[in-house]
Amino acid sequence: MNDHDYSLDTLAIRAGGLRSPFNEHSEALFATVSFVHESAEMAAKRFNGELPGYIYSRFTNPTVDMFEQRLAALEGAEAAIATSTGMAAISTLAMTLCSAGDHIVTSGSVFGSTLNVFGAPVMGKFGVTCEVVNSTSLDAWAKAIKPGTKLVFLETPSNPMADVFDIAAIGEMARKVGATFAVDNCFCTPILQRPLSLGADMVVHSASKHLDGQGRVMGGALVGTKEMCREKVYNFLRTTGASLAPFNAWVILKGMETLPIRMRAHSENALALAEWLESHPKVAKVNYPFLASHPSVALAKRQQSGGGAVLSFTVKGDKLAAWKVVDAVKIMSITGNLGDVKTTITHPSSTTHGRMTQAARDAAAITDNLIRIAVGLESQEDLRADLARGLDQL
């Protein structure tokens, strides 16, 4: 398929199809560790790269290839490379790009484990420094990005505060110093936002989230140029082994077929719930990029075609008040995962961001009265009643 000739709805279903000689209609699951060669010469040429072909599923597998090709098509990219998880994608990117003495700039509004990878617990041990920017201000980013910066990283919208960052402007800053600019597109997926077209060099995915869409398997991916994905990242991943399992790739492939319709429905449901929460007397503030009250709503609507599934809000009260709301739900699942057709609810400061220092949480505005919801596809009336059960008790 020429990807430029088709819409995202079609690419989500048809891109990346590789049929075996059996001409199966559904994508095949190649559950095999290795692949057989016709001769010793063929094996040698495949191992040294002279001849294309599959060798070993740690780094070459047809089902994984199909997932990579479909995701690259959706993002408008030359290539993608799959990883075992989203965090494996982030750590692989950092280890591929950075050496001792290099500098990383990251938003503070990212998943807590991302800060641990870029900071002292992981990359810091190898002599890489990391500067955290706790602001959407372009002036703050301009001060942080400097000669020697090798990687600039952010999520937009961010987790869990729904901060929106100017991808084009920050990308230009990164290019001026020769840094790679990577955007985590987990919340929007390529259906709602395509960071490469806005100025990013790389896109990061946790395929465990919306790409699968039903919370079944783990997976991740890096998306960008052929040079970055198929040479630099591939060579690192081939050796270190944080590979996506063929079964997981197959499940995610099937999930991606419904990605466009799901993301549009998630966005519609989340906006309606955010507007209802904003009117509730026991809610202090709601964070959702497509709310009229969001400080960056105009930027969000330029970069995104929908607000996505994730919102957060603060209750009028303390940690115990937030926990009371969480504990009262009967429909929503109390879990840190997101990107599921089932709505999930969590208390970030004690779960997903609990490993961050208190100072880091304070800087990122992750307070004890903050609740995050990843809105699924259930009835809007049922979701409102589920939250009202706790909110009305405060």
Foldseek 3Di string as FASTA:
>chain_A
DPLVVDDLLCLLQDWLADDDPVRDPAHDQDQDFADDDPDPVRLVCCVVVNDPDTGGQLQDDSLQSSLFRSQQSLLVAATKAKFQFLVRVLLLVPVLFDAAQAEEEEELQAFQVSCCSQDCVHVVVRRYYYDYQLDLDLVSLLVRQDARHAEYEYEALGPAQNDHHQLQSSLVSCVVNVHAYEYEDAQARSLWFNSVVSRHAKYKYFLCAQLLAANDHTMIMIGHYCCVHVPRSSVSSSVPRRHHRSVRSSSSSVSSSCSNVFFVLLQVLQVVVQVVLVPDPFWDDKRWLCDPPHPCVVSSVVGTVGGGQKMKTFTPDFLVLQVLLVVQADQADDDPGARYLGKHKYQCCVPRNVVPDPVSCVSNVSHSRMMMMRHHNDDSVSVVVRRCRSSVVD
